[in-house]
PDB file of all heavy atoms in Angstrom:
ATOM      1  N   LYS A   1       0.795  -1.189  -0.037  1.00  0.00           N
ATOM      2  CA  LYS A   1       0.018   0.009   0.000  1.00  0.00           C
ATOM      3  C   LYS A   1       0.855   1.293   0.003  1.00  0.00           C
ATOM      4  O   LYS A   1       0.353   2.396  -0.068  1.00  0.00           O
ATOM      5  CB  LYS A   1      -0.913   0.026   1.215  1.00  0.00           C
ATOM      6  CG  LYS A   1      -1.963  -1.091   1.251  1.00  0.00           C
ATOM      7  CD  LYS A   1      -3.004  -0.900   0.136  1.00  0.00           C
ATOM      8  CE  LYS A   1      -4.097  -1.939   0.254  1.00  0.00           C
ATOM      9  NZ  LYS A   1      -5.155  -1.709  -0.766  1.00  0.00           N
ATOM     10  N   GLY A   2       2.175   1.093   0.063  1.00  0.00           N
ATOM     11  CA  GLY A   2       3.068   2.257   0.090  1.00  0.00           C
ATOM     12  C   GLY A   2       3.059   2.981   1.429  1.00  0.00           C
ATOM     13  O   GLY A   2       3.630   4.147   1.495  1.00  0.00           O
ATOM     14  N   PHE A   3       2.544   2.341   2.427  1.00  0.00           N
ATOM     15  CA  PHE A   3       2.426   2.998   3.755  1.00  0.00           C
ATOM     16  C   PHE A   3       3.815   3.281   4.381  1.00  0.00           C
ATOM     17  O   PHE A   3       4.097   4.385   4.828  1.00  0.00           O
ATOM     18  CB  PHE A   3       1.591   2.109   4.710  1.00  0.00           C
ATOM     19  CG  PHE A   3       1.456   2.657   6.073  1.00  0.00           C
ATOM     20  CD1 PHE A   3       0.417   3.584   6.389  1.00  0.00           C
ATOM     21  CD2 PHE A   3       2.287   2.286   7.114  1.00  0.00           C
ATOM     22  CE1 PHE A   3       0.281   4.091   7.646  1.00  0.00           C
ATOM     23  CE2 PHE A   3       2.170   2.775   8.401  1.00  0.00           C
ATOM     24  CZ  PHE A   3       1.146   3.712   8.666  1.00  0.00           C
ATOM     25  N   ILE A   4       4.661   2.279   4.309  1.00  0.00           N
ATOM     26  CA  ILE A   4       5.994   2.426   4.936  1.00  0.00           C
ATOM     27  C   ILE A   4       6.785   3.441   4.206  1.00  0.00           C
ATOM     28  O   ILE A   4       7.462   4.294   4.749  1.00  0.00           O
ATOM     29  CB  ILE A   4       6.716   1.078   4.925  1.00  0.00           C
ATOM     30  CG1 ILE A   4       5.938   0.028   5.794  1.00  0.00           C
ATOM     31  CG2 ILE A   4       8.155   1.200   5.466  1.00  0.00           C
ATOM     32  CD1 ILE A   4       6.461  -1.357   5.733  1.00  0.00           C
ATOM     33  N   GLU A   5       6.750   3.413   2.824  1.00  0.00           N
ATOM     34  CA  GLU A   5       7.527   4.377   2.019  1.00  0.00           C
ATOM     35  C   GLU A   5       7.016   5.813   2.262  1.00  0.00           C
ATOM     36  O   GLU A   5       7.826   6.702   2.359  1.00  0.00           O
ATOM     37  CB  GLU A   5       7.345   4.001   0.551  1.00  0.00           C
ATOM     38  CG  GLU A   5       8.074   4.957  -0.422  1.00  0.00           C
ATOM     39  CD  GLU A   5       7.779   4.659  -1.847  1.00  0.00           C
ATOM     40  OE1 GLU A   5       7.076   3.620  -2.097  1.00  0.00           O
ATOM     41  OE2 GLU A   5       8.280   5.367  -2.747  1.00  0.00           O
ATOM     42  N   ASN A   6       5.697   5.893   2.434  1.00  0.00           N
ATOM     43  CA  ASN A   6       5.113   7.215   2.701  1.00  0.00           C
ATOM     44  C   ASN A   6       5.559   7.784   4.055  1.00  0.00           C
ATOM     45  O   ASN A   6       5.890   8.970   4.175  1.00  0.00           O
ATOM     46  CB  ASN A   6       3.560   7.076   2.726  1.00  0.00           C
ATOM     47  CG  ASN A   6       2.886   8.372   2.298  1.00  0.00           C
ATOM     48  OD1 ASN A   6       3.496   9.437   2.324  1.00  0.00           O
ATOM     49  ND2 ASN A   6       1.608   8.342   2.031  1.00  0.00           N
ATOM     50  N   ILE A   7       5.587   6.972   5.111  1.00  0.00           N
ATOM     51  CA  ILE A   7       6.027   7.362   6.405  1.00  0.00           C
ATOM     52  C   ILE A   7       7.505   7.861   6.316  1.00  0.00           C
ATOM     53  O   ILE A   7       7.852   8.897   6.896  1.00  0.00           O
ATOM     54  CB  ILE A   7       5.890   6.246   7.432  1.00  0.00           C
ATOM     55  CG1 ILE A   7       4.393   5.948   7.625  1.00  0.00           C
ATOM     56  CG2 ILE A   7       6.555   6.648   8.737  1.00  0.00           C
ATOM     57  CD1 ILE A   7       3.584   7.064   8.240  1.00  0.00           C
ATOM     58  N   VAL A   8       8.347   7.050   5.674  1.00  0.00           N
ATOM     59  CA  VAL A   8       9.738   7.348   5.565  1.00  0.00           C
ATOM     60  C   VAL A   8       9.905   8.744   4.840  1.00  0.00           C
ATOM     61  O   VAL A   8      10.708   9.578   5.218  1.00  0.00           O
ATOM     62  CB  VAL A   8      10.533   6.271   4.816  1.00  0.00           C
ATOM     63  CG1 VAL A   8      11.943   6.716   4.516  1.00  0.00           C
ATOM     64  CG2 VAL A   8      10.555   5.004   5.643  1.00  0.00           C
ATOM     65  N   ASN A   9       9.144   8.930   3.759  1.00  0.00           N
ATOM     66  CA  ASN A   9       9.177  10.122   3.013  1.00  0.00           C
ATOM     67  C   ASN A   9       8.782  11.346   3.799  1.00  0.00           C
ATOM     68  O   ASN A   9       9.316  12.457   3.635  1.00  0.00           O
ATOM     69  CB  ASN A   9       8.286   9.964   1.771  1.00  0.00           C
ATOM     70  CG  ASN A   9       8.555  11.074   0.731  1.00  0.00           C
ATOM     71  OD1 ASN A   9       9.634  11.375   0.462  1.00  0.00           O
ATOM     72  ND2 ASN A   9       7.462  11.650   0.244  1.00  0.00           N
ATOM     73  N   ARG A  10       7.834  11.193   4.694  1.00  0.00           N
ATOM     74  CA  ARG A  10       7.353  12.275   5.603  1.00  0.00           C
ATOM     75  C   ARG A  10       8.414  12.592   6.705  1.00  0.00           C
ATOM     76  O   ARG A  10       8.561  13.758   7.076  1.00  0.00           O
ATOM     77  CB  ARG A  10       6.024  11.961   6.181  1.00  0.00           C
ATOM     78  CG  ARG A  10       4.887  11.941   5.209  1.00  0.00           C
ATOM     79  CD  ARG A  10       3.616  11.310   5.846  1.00  0.00           C
ATOM     80  NE  ARG A  10       2.536  11.250   4.873  1.00  0.00           N
ATOM     81  CZ  ARG A  10       1.560  12.155   4.833  1.00  0.00           C
ATOM     82  NH1 ARG A  10       1.558  13.204   5.638  1.00  0.00           N
ATOM     83  NH2 ARG A  10       0.581  12.079   3.963  1.00  0.00           N
ATOM     84  N   ILE A  11       9.107  11.593   7.138  1.00  0.00           N
ATOM     85  CA  ILE A  11      10.021  11.759   8.262  1.00  0.00           C
ATOM     86  C   ILE A  11      11.322  12.445   7.810  1.00  0.00           C
ATOM     87  O   ILE A  11      11.882  13.313   8.494  1.00  0.00           O
ATOM     88  CB  ILE A  11      10.320  10.405   8.965  1.00  0.00           C
ATOM     89  CG1 ILE A  11       9.125   9.875   9.635  1.00  0.00           C
ATOM     90  CG2 ILE A  11      11.478  10.533   9.960  1.00  0.00           C
ATOM     91  CD1 ILE A  11       9.288   8.474  10.235  1.00  0.00           C
ATOM     92  N   MET A  12      11.857  11.996   6.658  1.00  0.00           N
ATOM     93  CA  MET A  12      13.114  12.501   6.215  1.00  0.00           C
ATOM     94  C   MET A  12      13.072  14.019   5.938  1.00  0.00           C
ATOM     95  O   MET A  12      12.175  14.489   5.241  1.00  0.00           O
ATOM     96  CB  MET A  12      13.585  11.772   4.961  1.00  0.00           C
ATOM     97  CG  MET A  12      13.924  10.281   5.135  1.00  0.00           C
ATOM     98  SD  MET A  12      15.351  10.114   6.228  1.00  0.00           S
ATOM     99  CE  MET A  12      16.621  10.779   5.166  1.00  0.00           C
ATOM    100  N   PRO A  13      14.099  14.732   6.387  1.00  0.00           N
ATOM    101  CA  PRO A  13      14.152  16.189   6.092  1.00  0.00           C
ATOM    102  C   PRO A  13      14.655  16.445   4.658  1.00  0.00           C
ATOM    103  O   PRO A  13      15.209  15.493   4.033  1.00  0.00           O
ATOM    104  CB  PRO A  13      15.194  16.695   7.102  1.00  0.00           C
ATOM    105  CG  PRO A  13      16.056  15.516   7.369  1.00  0.00           C
ATOM    106  CD  PRO A  13      15.161  14.295   7.309  1.00  0.00           C
ATOM    107  N   LYS A  14      14.437  17.607   4.122  1.00  0.00           N
ATOM    108  CA  LYS A  14      14.866  17.889   2.810  1.00  0.00           C
ATOM    109  C   LYS A  14      16.384  17.980   2.639  1.00  0.00           C
ATOM    110  O   LYS A  14      16.902  17.630   1.597  1.00  0.00           O
ATOM    111  CB  LYS A  14      14.278  19.235   2.358  1.00  0.00           C
ATOM    112  CG  LYS A  14      12.747  19.275   2.166  1.00  0.00           C
ATOM    113  CD  LYS A  14      12.235  20.615   1.620  1.00  0.00           C
ATOM    114  CE  LYS A  14      10.731  20.552   1.442  1.00  0.00           C
ATOM    115  NZ  LYS A  14      10.181  21.844   0.958  1.00  0.00           N
ATOM    116  N   ARG A  15      17.016  18.431   3.683  1.00  0.00           N
ATOM    117  CA  ARG A  15      18.465  18.499   3.664  1.00  0.00           C
ATOM    118  C   ARG A  15      19.050  17.957   4.939  1.00  0.00           C
ATOM    119  O   ARG A  15      18.556  18.274   6.075  1.00  0.00           O
ATOM    120  CB  ARG A  15      18.956  19.969   3.455  1.00  0.00           C
ATOM    121  CG  ARG A  15      20.420  20.110   3.223  1.00  0.00           C
ATOM    122  CD  ARG A  15      20.763  21.582   2.845  1.00  0.00           C
ATOM    123  NE  ARG A  15      22.185  21.766   2.600  1.00  0.00           N
ATOM    124  CZ  ARG A  15      22.865  21.418   1.482  1.00  0.00           C
ATOM    125  NH1 ARG A  15      22.131  20.933   0.487  1.00  0.00           N
ATOM    126  NH2 ARG A  15      24.117  21.641   1.392  1.00  0.00           N
ATOM    127  N   ILE A  16      20.013  17.147   4.884  1.00  0.00           N
ATOM    128  CA  ILE A  16      20.584  16.473   6.057  1.00  0.00           C
ATOM    129  C   ILE A  16      22.107  16.251   5.829  1.00  0.00           C
ATOM    130  O   ILE A  16      22.568  16.026   4.747  1.00  0.00           O
ATOM    131  CB  ILE A  16      19.904  15.111   6.313  1.00  0.00           C
ATOM    132  CG1 ILE A  16      20.289  14.496   7.619  1.00  0.00           C
ATOM    133  CG2 ILE A  16      20.138  14.150   5.194  1.00  0.00           C
ATOM    134  CD1 ILE A  16      19.481  13.281   8.013  1.00  0.00           C
ATOM    135  N   SER A  17      22.810  16.292   6.960  1.00  0.00           N
ATOM    136  CA  SER A  17      24.301  15.993   6.890  1.00  0.00           C
ATOM    137  C   SER A  17      24.555  14.518   6.753  1.00  0.00           C
ATOM    138  O   SER A  17      23.740  13.703   7.166  1.00  0.00           O
ATOM    139  CB  SER A  17      25.009  16.534   8.106  1.00  0.00           C
ATOM    140  OG  SER A  17      24.602  15.810   9.270  1.00  0.00           O
ATOM    141  N   GLU A  18      25.670  14.202   6.149  1.00  0.00           N
ATOM    142  CA  GLU A  18      26.019  12.774   5.911  1.00  0.00           C
ATOM    143  C   GLU A  18      26.147  12.056   7.279  1.00  0.00           C
ATOM    144  O   GLU A  18      25.777  10.876   7.449  1.00  0.00           O
ATOM    145  CB  GLU A  18      27.309  12.601   5.100  1.00  0.00           C
ATOM    146  CG  GLU A  18      27.083  13.143   3.673  1.00  0.00           C
ATOM    147  CD  GLU A  18      28.438  13.067   2.897  1.00  0.00           C
ATOM    148  OE1 GLU A  18      29.504  13.126   3.561  1.00  0.00           O
ATOM    149  OE2 GLU A  18      28.402  13.030   1.681  1.00  0.00           O
ATOM    150  N   ARG A  19      26.687  12.732   8.224  1.00  0.00           N
ATOM    151  CA  ARG A  19      26.956  12.127   9.530  1.00  0.00           C
ATOM    152  C   ARG A  19      25.567  11.868  10.249  1.00  0.00           C
ATOM    153  O   ARG A  19      25.357  10.772  10.863  1.00  0.00           O
ATOM    154  CB  ARG A  19      27.828  12.972  10.400  1.00  0.00           C
ATOM    155  CG  ARG A  19      28.109  12.412  11.784  1.00  0.00           C
ATOM    156  CD  ARG A  19      29.272  13.217  12.483  1.00  0.00           C
ATOM    157  NE  ARG A  19      30.502  13.108  11.690  1.00  0.00           N
ATOM    158  CZ  ARG A  19      31.652  13.727  12.026  1.00  0.00           C
ATOM    159  NH1 ARG A  19      31.649  14.524  13.054  1.00  0.00           N
ATOM    160  NH2 ARG A  19      32.712  13.580  11.253  1.00  0.00           N
ATOM    161  N   LYS A  20      24.686  12.854  10.185  1.00  0.00           N
ATOM    162  CA  LYS A  20      23.376  12.649  10.853  1.00  0.00           C
ATOM    163  C   LYS A  20      22.596  11.595  10.166  1.00  0.00           C
ATOM    164  O   LYS A  20      21.903  10.823  10.853  1.00  0.00           O
ATOM    165  CB  LYS A  20      22.654  14.026  10.806  1.00  0.00           C
ATOM    166  CG  LYS A  20      21.359  14.017  11.546  1.00  0.00           C
ATOM    167  CD  LYS A  20      20.682  15.387  11.528  1.00  0.00           C
ATOM    168  CE  LYS A  20      19.377  15.363  12.285  1.00  0.00           C
ATOM    169  NZ  LYS A  20      18.677  16.737  12.266  1.00  0.00           N
ATOM    170  N   LEU A  21      22.713  11.498   8.844  1.00  0.00           N
ATOM    171  CA  LEU A  21      21.982  10.444   8.100  1.00  0.00           C
ATOM    172  C   LEU A  21      22.476   9.068   8.532  1.00  0.00           C
ATOM    173  O   LEU A  21      21.683   8.137   8.643  1.00  0.00           O
ATOM    174  CB  LEU A  21      22.186  10.618   6.614  1.00  0.00           C
ATOM    175  CG  LEU A  21      21.547   9.563   5.739  1.00  0.00           C
ATOM    176  CD1 LEU A  21      19.977   9.588   5.869  1.00  0.00           C
ATOM    177  CD2 LEU A  21      21.953   9.696   4.252  1.00  0.00           C
ATOM    178  N   MET A  22      23.796   8.952   8.847  1.00  0.00           N
ATOM    179  CA  MET A  22      24.318   7.697   9.251  1.00  0.00           C
ATOM    180  C   MET A  22      23.661   7.186  10.522  1.00  0.00           C
ATOM    181  O   MET A  22      23.252   6.047  10.616  1.00  0.00           O
ATOM    182  CB  MET A  22      25.824   7.816   9.474  1.00  0.00           C
ATOM    183  CG  MET A  22      26.518   6.506   9.815  1.00  0.00           C
ATOM    184  SD  MET A  22      26.689   5.373   8.446  1.00  0.00           S
ATOM    185  CE  MET A  22      28.001   6.104   7.477  1.00  0.00           C
ATOM    186  N   PHE A  23      23.523   8.041  11.497  1.00  0.00           N
ATOM    187  CA  PHE A  23      22.855   7.695  12.750  1.00  0.00           C
ATOM    188  C   PHE A  23      21.353   7.442  12.578  1.00  0.00           C
ATOM    189  O   PHE A  23      20.790   6.546  13.140  1.00  0.00           O
ATOM    190  CB  PHE A  23      23.059   8.798  13.781  1.00  0.00           C
ATOM    191  CG  PHE A  23      24.470   8.846  14.397  1.00  0.00           C
ATOM    192  CD1 PHE A  23      25.455   9.652  13.798  1.00  0.00           C
ATOM    193  CD2 PHE A  23      24.809   8.016  15.442  1.00  0.00           C
ATOM    194  CE1 PHE A  23      26.723   9.696  14.341  1.00  0.00           C
ATOM    195  CE2 PHE A  23      26.050   7.993  15.983  1.00  0.00           C
ATOM    196  CZ  PHE A  23      27.021   8.871  15.425  1.00  0.00           C
ATOM    197  N   LEU A  24      20.753   8.262  11.690  1.00  0.00           N
ATOM    198  CA  LEU A  24      19.317   8.095  11.448  1.00  0.00           C
ATOM    199  C   LEU A  24      18.974   6.774  10.759  1.00  0.00           C
ATOM    200  O   LEU A  24      18.047   6.097  11.146  1.00  0.00           O
ATOM    201  CB  LEU A  24      18.810   9.292  10.543  1.00  0.00           C
ATOM    202  CG  LEU A  24      17.303   9.460  10.464  1.00  0.00           C
ATOM    203  CD1 LEU A  24      16.693   9.711  11.779  1.00  0.00           C
ATOM    204  CD2 LEU A  24      17.013  10.590   9.461  1.00  0.00           C
ATOM    205  N   VAL A  25      19.759   6.367   9.794  1.00  0.00           N
ATOM    206  CA  VAL A  25      19.612   5.115   9.121  1.00  0.00           C
ATOM    207  C   VAL A  25      19.850   3.973  10.092  1.00  0.00           C
ATOM    208  O   VAL A  25      19.112   2.978  10.079  1.00  0.00           O
ATOM    209  CB  VAL A  25      20.571   5.015   7.935  1.00  0.00           C
ATOM    210  CG1 VAL A  25      20.626   3.599   7.376  1.00  0.00           C
ATOM    211  CG2 VAL A  25      20.204   5.970   6.790  1.00  0.00           C
ATOM    212  N   GLY A  26      20.828   4.084  10.920  1.00  0.00           N
ATOM    213  CA  GLY A  26      21.137   3.023  11.946  1.00  0.00           C
ATOM    214  C   GLY A  26      19.908   2.839  12.898  1.00  0.00           C
ATOM    215  O   GLY A  26      19.554   1.700  13.134  1.00  0.00           O
ATOM    216  N   VAL A  27      19.351   3.944  13.368  1.00  0.00           N
ATOM    217  CA  VAL A  27      18.215   3.847  14.278  1.00  0.00           C
ATOM    218  C   VAL A  27      17.006   3.283  13.573  1.00  0.00           C
ATOM    219  O   VAL A  27      16.322   2.385  14.128  1.00  0.00           O
ATOM    220  CB  VAL A  27      17.873   5.264  14.851  1.00  0.00           C
ATOM    221  CG1 VAL A  27      16.573   5.237  15.580  1.00  0.00           C
ATOM    222  CG2 VAL A  27      19.029   5.781  15.733  1.00  0.00           C
ATOM    223  N   PHE A  28      16.768   3.730  12.349  1.00  0.00           N
ATOM    224  CA  PHE A  28      15.621   3.234  11.615  1.00  0.00           C
ATOM    225  C   PHE A  28      15.696   1.723  11.330  1.00  0.00           C
ATOM    226  O   PHE A  28      14.744   0.943  11.548  1.00  0.00           O
ATOM    227  CB  PHE A  28      15.468   3.944  10.308  1.00  0.00           C
ATOM    228  CG  PHE A  28      14.373   3.407   9.395  1.00  0.00           C
ATOM    229  CD1 PHE A  28      13.034   3.674   9.625  1.00  0.00           C
ATOM    230  CD2 PHE A  28      14.679   2.580   8.327  1.00  0.00           C
ATOM    231  CE1 PHE A  28      12.027   3.157   8.838  1.00  0.00           C
ATOM    232  CE2 PHE A  28      13.724   2.102   7.499  1.00  0.00           C
ATOM    233  CZ  PHE A  28      12.361   2.389   7.734  1.00  0.00           C
ATOM    234  N   ALA A  29      16.839   1.277  10.847  1.00  0.00           N
ATOM    235  CA  ALA A  29      17.045  -0.150  10.515  1.00  0.00           C
ATOM    236  C   ALA A  29      17.006  -0.968  11.800  1.00  0.00           C
ATOM    237  O   ALA A  29      16.391  -2.044  11.765  1.00  0.00           O
ATOM    238  CB  ALA A  29      18.444  -0.356   9.830  1.00  0.00           C
TER     239      ALA A  29
END
């Protein structure tokens, strides 16, 4: 239904640092 993709799309900011993304991806996974 695209629910998970939609949630991820809403959570992610438009601009993010590479280091912050590393921690964010780790927490999400």
